[in-house]
C-alpha atoms as a PDB file:
ATOM      1  CA  MET A   1       0.000   0.000   0.000  1.00  0.00           C
ATOM      2  CA  THR A   2       1.515   3.224  -1.101  1.00  0.00           C
ATOM      3  CA  THR A   3       0.354   6.613  -0.095  1.00  0.00           C
ATOM      4  CA  THR A   4       1.171   9.779  -1.815  1.00  0.00           C
ATOM      5  CA  PRO A   5       2.510  12.429   0.488  1.00  0.00           C
ATOM      6  CA  VAL A   6       0.269  15.419   1.002  1.00  0.00           C
ATOM      7  CA  PRO A   7       2.120  18.604   0.178  1.00  0.00           C
ATOM      8  CA  PRO A   8       2.341  21.036   3.065  1.00  0.00           C
ATOM      9  CA  ARG A   9       0.077  24.038   2.985  1.00  0.00           C
ATOM     10  CA  ALA A  10       1.676  26.910   1.242  1.00  0.00           C
ATOM     11  CA  VAL A  11       2.049  29.897   3.542  1.00  0.00           C
ATOM     12  CA  PRO A  12       1.634  33.089   1.588  1.00  0.00           C
ATOM     13  CA  ARG A  13       4.698  35.278   1.627  1.00  0.00           C
ATOM     14  CA  LEU A  14       3.864  38.669   3.024  1.00  0.00           C
ATOM     15  CA  LEU A  15       5.348  41.840   1.694  1.00  0.00           C
ATOM     16  CA  PRO A  16       7.951  43.401   3.970  1.00  0.00           C
ATOM     17  CA  ALA A  17       7.207  46.795   5.455  1.00  0.00           C
ATOM     18  CA  PRO A  18       8.508  49.701   3.416  1.00  0.00           C
ATOM     19  CA  VAL A  19      11.490  51.586   4.805  1.00  0.00           C
ATOM     20  CA  TRP A  20       9.422  54.694   5.533  1.00  0.00           C
ATOM     21  CA  ALA A  21       6.948  52.636   7.615  1.00  0.00           C
ATOM     22  CA  ARG A  22       9.761  51.072   9.634  1.00  0.00           C
ATOM     23  CA  ARG A  23      11.267  54.491  10.269  1.00  0.00           C
ATOM     24  CA  ALA A  24       7.868  55.896  11.280  1.00  0.00           C
ATOM     25  CA  ALA A  25       7.307  52.998  13.711  1.00  0.00           C
ATOM     26  CA  HIS A  26      10.693  53.595  15.312  1.00  0.00           C
ATOM     27  CA  ALA A  27       9.964  57.333  15.473  1.00  0.00           C
ATOM     28  CA  VAL A  28       6.761  56.624  17.431  1.00  0.00           C
ATOM     29  CA  ALA A  29       8.769  54.611  19.952  1.00  0.00           C
ATOM     30  CA  TRP A  30      11.281  57.435  20.327  1.00  0.00           C
ATOM     31  CA  CYS A  31       8.585  60.122  20.679  1.00  0.00           C
ATOM     32  CA  ALA A  32       7.562  58.798  24.093  1.00  0.00           C
ATOM     33  CA  VAL A  33      11.083  58.863  25.534  1.00  0.00           C
ATOM     34  CA  PRO A  34      11.452  62.615  26.358  1.00  0.00           C
ATOM     35  CA  SER A  35       8.188  62.847  28.296  1.00  0.00           C
ATOM     36  CA  GLY A  36       8.950  59.582  30.092  1.00  0.00           C
ATOM     37  CA  LEU A  37      12.377  60.820  31.128  1.00  0.00           C
ATOM     38  CA  TRP A  38      10.816  64.085  32.304  1.00  0.00           C
ATOM     39  CA  ARG A  39       8.306  62.189  34.459  1.00  0.00           C
ATOM     40  CA  ILE A  40      10.986  59.885  35.881  1.00  0.00           C
ATOM     41  CA  ALA A  41      13.140  62.923  36.719  1.00  0.00           C
ATOM     42  CA  MET A  42      10.134  64.417  38.505  1.00  0.00           C
ATOM     43  CA  ALA A  43       9.642  61.192  40.479  1.00  0.00           C
ATOM     44  CA  ALA A  44      13.351  61.075  41.361  1.00  0.00           C
ATOM     45  CA  GLY A  45      13.190  64.533  42.897  1.00  0.00           C
ATOM     46  CA  VAL A  46      15.001  66.417  40.154  1.00  0.00           C
ATOM     47  CA  PRO A  47      13.607  69.965  39.990  1.00  0.00           C
ATOM     48  CA  VAL A  48      11.552  69.999  36.778  1.00  0.00           C
ATOM     49  CA  GLY A  49       9.771  73.281  37.443  1.00  0.00           C
ATOM     50  CA  TYR A  50       7.367  72.343  40.215  1.00  0.00           C
ATOM     51  CA  SER A  51       7.749  73.551  43.783  1.00  0.00           C
ATOM     52  CA  ASP A  52       8.058  70.992  46.573  1.00  0.00           C
ATOM     53  CA  GLN A  53       4.592  71.973  47.780  1.00  0.00           C
ATOM     54  CA  VAL A  54       3.009  71.282  44.370  1.00  0.00           C
ATOM     55  CA  LEU A  55       4.802  67.942  44.096  1.00  0.00           C
ATOM     56  CA  ARG A  56       3.503  66.908  47.539  1.00  0.00           C
ATOM     57  CA  GLU A  57      -0.069  68.228  47.310  1.00  0.00           C
ATOM     58  CA  VAL A  58      -0.916  67.768  43.636  1.00  0.00           C
ATOM     59  CA  TYR A  59       1.211  64.829  42.519  1.00  0.00           C
ATOM     60  CA  GLY A  60       1.771  62.966  45.805  1.00  0.00           C
ATOM     61  CA  ILE A  61       5.564  62.962  45.446  1.00  0.00           C
ATOM     62  CA  PRO A  62       7.146  61.613  47.604  1.00  0.00           C
ATOM     63  CA  GLY A  63       4.633  58.848  48.168  1.00  0.00           C
ATOM     64  CA  TRP A  64       2.159  57.060  45.875  1.00  0.00           C
ATOM     65  CA  GLY A  65       2.811  59.633  43.144  1.00  0.00           C
ATOM     66  CA  ILE A  66       6.209  58.117  42.397  1.00  0.00           C
ATOM     67  CA  ALA A  67       4.663  54.765  41.472  1.00  0.00           C
ATOM     68  CA  TYR A  68       1.972  56.534  39.429  1.00  0.00           C
ATOM     69  CA  VAL A  69       4.411  58.708  37.472  1.00  0.00           C
ATOM     70  CA  VAL A  70       6.905  55.899  36.803  1.00  0.00           C
ATOM     71  CA  GLY A  71       4.075  53.482  35.918  1.00  0.00           C
ATOM     72  CA  LEU A  72       2.631  56.035  33.502  1.00  0.00           C
ATOM     73  CA  SER A  73       6.022  56.399  31.845  1.00  0.00           C
ATOM     74  CA  VAL A  74       6.391  52.629  31.462  1.00  0.00           C
ATOM     75  CA  LEU A  75       2.856  52.243  30.060  1.00  0.00           C
ATOM     76  CA  ALA A  76       3.385  55.094  27.609  1.00  0.00           C
ATOM     77  CA  GLU A  77       6.601  53.541  26.322  1.00  0.00           C
ATOM     78  CA  LEU A  78       5.005  50.105  25.981  1.00  0.00           C
ATOM     79  CA  ALA A  79       2.145  51.647  24.003  1.00  0.00           C
ATOM     80  CA  ALA A  80       4.668  53.486  21.829  1.00  0.00           C
ATOM     81  CA  LEU A  81       6.316  50.161  20.966  1.00  0.00           C
ATOM     82  CA  PHE A  82       3.062  48.822  19.446  1.00  0.00           C
ATOM     83  CA  PRO A  83       3.786  50.143  15.904  1.00  0.00           C
ATOM     84  CA  LEU A  84       6.957  48.044  15.848  1.00  0.00           C
ATOM     85  CA  LEU A  85       4.705  44.960  15.778  1.00  0.00           C
ATOM     86  CA  LEU A  86       3.108  46.281  12.610  1.00  0.00           C
ATOM     87  CA  VAL A  87       6.420  46.454  10.739  1.00  0.00           C
ATOM     88  CA  SER A  88       8.153  43.408  12.210  1.00  0.00           C
ATOM     89  CA  GLU A  89       9.004  40.694   9.725  1.00  0.00           C
ATOM     90  CA  ARG A  90       9.730  38.096  12.397  1.00  0.00           C
ATOM     91  CA  TRP A  91       6.428  38.321  14.225  1.00  0.00           C
ATOM     92  CA  ARG A  92       3.360  37.184  12.304  1.00  0.00           C
ATOM     93  CA  PRO A  93      -0.016  37.513  13.978  1.00  0.00           C
ATOM     94  CA  LEU A  94      -2.554  34.741  13.661  1.00  0.00           C
ATOM     95  CA  ARG A  95      -5.213  37.200  12.594  1.00  0.00           C
ATOM     96  CA  PRO A  96      -3.698  40.140  10.696  1.00  0.00           C
ATOM     97  CA  ARG A  97      -7.116  41.703  10.090  1.00  0.00           C
ATOM     98  CA  ALA A  98      -7.862  41.739  13.812  1.00  0.00           C
ATOM     99  CA  LEU A  99      -4.517  43.404  14.467  1.00  0.00           C
ATOM    100  CA  ALA A 100      -5.292  45.942  11.755  1.00  0.00           C
ATOM    101  CA  ALA A 101      -8.619  46.704  13.455  1.00  0.00           C
ATOM    102  CA  VAL A 102      -6.836  47.227  16.781  1.00  0.00           C
ATOM    103  CA  ALA A 103      -4.257  49.441  15.082  1.00  0.00           C
ATOM    104  CA  TRP A 104      -6.918  51.589  13.403  1.00  0.00           C
ATOM    105  CA  CYS A 105      -8.729  52.003  16.730  1.00  0.00           C
ATOM    106  CA  ALA A 106      -5.459  52.893  18.464  1.00  0.00           C
ATOM    107  CA  SER A 107      -4.715  55.412  15.727  1.00  0.00           C
ATOM    108  CA  GLY A 108      -8.107  57.067  16.174  1.00  0.00           C
ATOM    109  CA  ALA A 109      -7.744  57.074  19.957  1.00  0.00           C
ATOM    110  CA  ALA A 110      -4.280  58.658  19.699  1.00  0.00           C
ATOM    111  CA  LEU A 111      -5.705  61.422  17.516  1.00  0.00           C
ATOM    112  CA  LEU A 112      -8.598  62.082  19.912  1.00  0.00           C
ATOM    113  CA  ILE A 113      -6.259  62.137  22.923  1.00  0.00           C
ATOM    114  CA  ALA A 114      -3.882  64.550  21.180  1.00  0.00           C
ATOM    115  CA  VAL A 115      -6.718  66.938  20.301  1.00  0.00           C
ATOM    116  CA  TRP A 116      -8.111  66.631  23.835  1.00  0.00           C
ATOM    117  CA  GLN A 117      -4.719  67.411  25.385  1.00  0.00           C
ATOM    118  CA  LEU A 118      -4.299  70.421  23.112  1.00  0.00           C
ATOM    119  CA  VAL A 119      -7.715  71.770  24.113  1.00  0.00           C
ATOM    120  CA  VAL A 120      -6.959  71.200  27.813  1.00  0.00           C
ATOM    121  CA  LEU A 121      -3.571  72.875  27.444  1.00  0.00           C
ATOM    122  CA  LEU A 122      -5.038  75.956  25.790  1.00  0.00           C
ATOM    123  CA  THR A 123      -8.054  76.316  28.074  1.00  0.00           C
ATOM    124  CA  VAL A 124      -8.090  74.672  31.494  1.00  0.00           C
ATOM    125  CA  GLU A 125      -4.369  74.227  32.134  1.00  0.00           C
ATOM    126  CA  SER A 126      -3.240  77.505  30.602  1.00  0.00           C
ATOM    127  CA  ASP A 127      -2.193  78.593  34.113  1.00  0.00           C
ATOM    128  CA  SER A 128      -0.308  75.500  35.253  1.00  0.00           C
ATOM    129  CA  TYR A 129       1.699  74.826  38.390  1.00  0.00           C
ATOM    130  CA  LEU A 130       5.004  75.188  36.557  1.00  0.00           C
ATOM    131  CA  SER A 131       7.123  78.029  37.840  1.00  0.00           C
ATOM    132  CA  GLY A 132       8.924  80.126  35.290  1.00  0.00           C
ATOM    133  CA  THR A 133       9.393  80.326  31.553  1.00  0.00           C
ATOM    134  CA  ALA A 134      12.322  77.902  31.501  1.00  0.00           C
ATOM    135  CA  ALA A 135      10.189  75.208  33.165  1.00  0.00           C
ATOM    136  CA  HIS A 136       7.427  75.740  30.582  1.00  0.00           C
ATOM    137  CA  THR A 137       9.953  75.494  27.758  1.00  0.00           C
ATOM    138  CA  VAL A 138      11.470  72.257  29.062  1.00  0.00           C
ATOM    139  CA  TRP A 139       7.993  70.802  29.618  1.00  0.00           C
ATOM    140  CA  ALA A 140       6.903  71.788  26.097  1.00  0.00           C
ATOM    141  CA  LEU A 141      10.039  70.281  24.552  1.00  0.00           C
ATOM    142  CA  ALA A 142       9.482  67.039  26.476  1.00  0.00           C
ATOM    143  CA  PHE A 143       5.839  66.640  25.471  1.00  0.00           C
ATOM    144  CA  ALA A 144       5.815  68.170  21.964  1.00  0.00           C
ATOM    145  CA  PRO A 145       7.030  64.961  20.233  1.00  0.00           C
ATOM    146  CA  LEU A 146       3.871  63.176  21.417  1.00  0.00           C
ATOM    147  CA  PHE A 147       1.828  65.257  18.960  1.00  0.00           C
ATOM    148  CA  THR A 148       3.585  63.514  16.059  1.00  0.00           C
ATOM    149  CA  VAL A 149       2.384  60.092  17.230  1.00  0.00           C
ATOM    150  CA  PRO A 150      -1.153  60.164  15.672  1.00  0.00           C
ATOM    151  CA  PRO A 151      -0.033  60.866  12.072  1.00  0.00           C
ATOM    152  CA  LEU A 152       2.910  58.460  12.322  1.00  0.00           C
ATOM    153  CA  LEU A 153       0.751  55.701  13.811  1.00  0.00           C
ATOM    154  CA  THR A 154      -1.888  56.273  11.139  1.00  0.00           C
ATOM    155  CA  ALA A 155       0.727  55.970   8.394  1.00  0.00           C
ATOM    156  CA  VAL A 156       2.167  52.747   9.850  1.00  0.00           C
ATOM    157  CA  THR A 157      -1.335  51.312  10.285  1.00  0.00           C
ATOM    158  CA  TRP A 158      -2.259  52.196   6.715  1.00  0.00           C
ATOM    159  CA  SER A 159       0.899  50.478   5.469  1.00  0.00           C
ATOM    160  CA  TYR A 160       0.150  47.361   7.539  1.00  0.00           C
ATOM    161  CA  SER A 161      -3.474  47.225   6.368  1.00  0.00           C
ATOM    162  CA  ARG A 162      -2.453  47.618   2.763  1.00  0.00           C
ATOM    163  CA  ARG A 163       0.220  44.903   2.964  1.00  0.00           C
ATOM    164  CA  HIS A 164      -2.060  42.413   4.697  1.00  0.00           C
ATOM    165  CA  GLY A 165      -5.169  43.120   2.661  1.00  0.00           C
ATOM    166  CA  ALA A 166      -7.189  44.085   5.719  1.00  0.00           C
ATOM    167  CA  ALA A 167     -10.558  45.666   5.211  1.00  0.00           C
ATOM    168  CA  ARG A 168     -10.405  49.403   4.762  1.00  0.00           C
ATOM    169  CA  ARG A 169     -13.461  50.079   6.854  1.00  0.00           C
ATOM    170  CA  VAL A 170     -13.009  48.958  10.432  1.00  0.00           C
ATOM    171  CA  ALA A 171     -15.460  49.666  13.218  1.00  0.00           C
ATOM    172  CA  CYS A 172     -13.957  50.374  16.643  1.00  0.00           C
ATOM    173  CA  ARG A 173     -16.058  48.831  19.346  1.00  0.00           C
END
C-alpha cells in the first residue's frame, strides 16, 4: 500500500514593510522617551519646574505619586512600541485583520487624545503649576514629540493594512 505524500500548505509570503513605515514605527517609539524621562526625573526629585509643595499636594511625590508617574512612563513607552509589531518581519499575527482593526482604533484614539490634550492645554491648564518660563519650555520640549504620534501611527497602520489586505473600513467597538 503506497500513499502519496500530502504537500504542506503553502504559507503566503507577506510583503515586507517599506522603509518609511519602519522608520515611522521607530519614530513613534522614540517620541515617548522625552516625556517619560521628564516624568521619571520628577519622580526622582530632580527639579523639573514644580515647587516641593506642588509635588507633595498635587502629585503625591514623595509617596504614591512616584509609582503613578513611573508606571505612567512605562505604560506610555510600551504603548509606543506597538507600531513596531506592525512592521516586524519576524512576528506574524494569527489574525492580521484583527490586528489591523486594533491598530486603526489605536490610531483614532491617539488622535482624539492629542486633540483633547491640546484643548486642555489651551483652556483649562493655561495657568499651570510650573514656575517660570524655563520650566514651561522644558515641559513643552518634552511633550511636543507626542503630537507627532497620531499621524505616524496612522501611516504605519495604513501600510500594515495595505500589505495584509485588511478591510479598509473597520469599526472600533
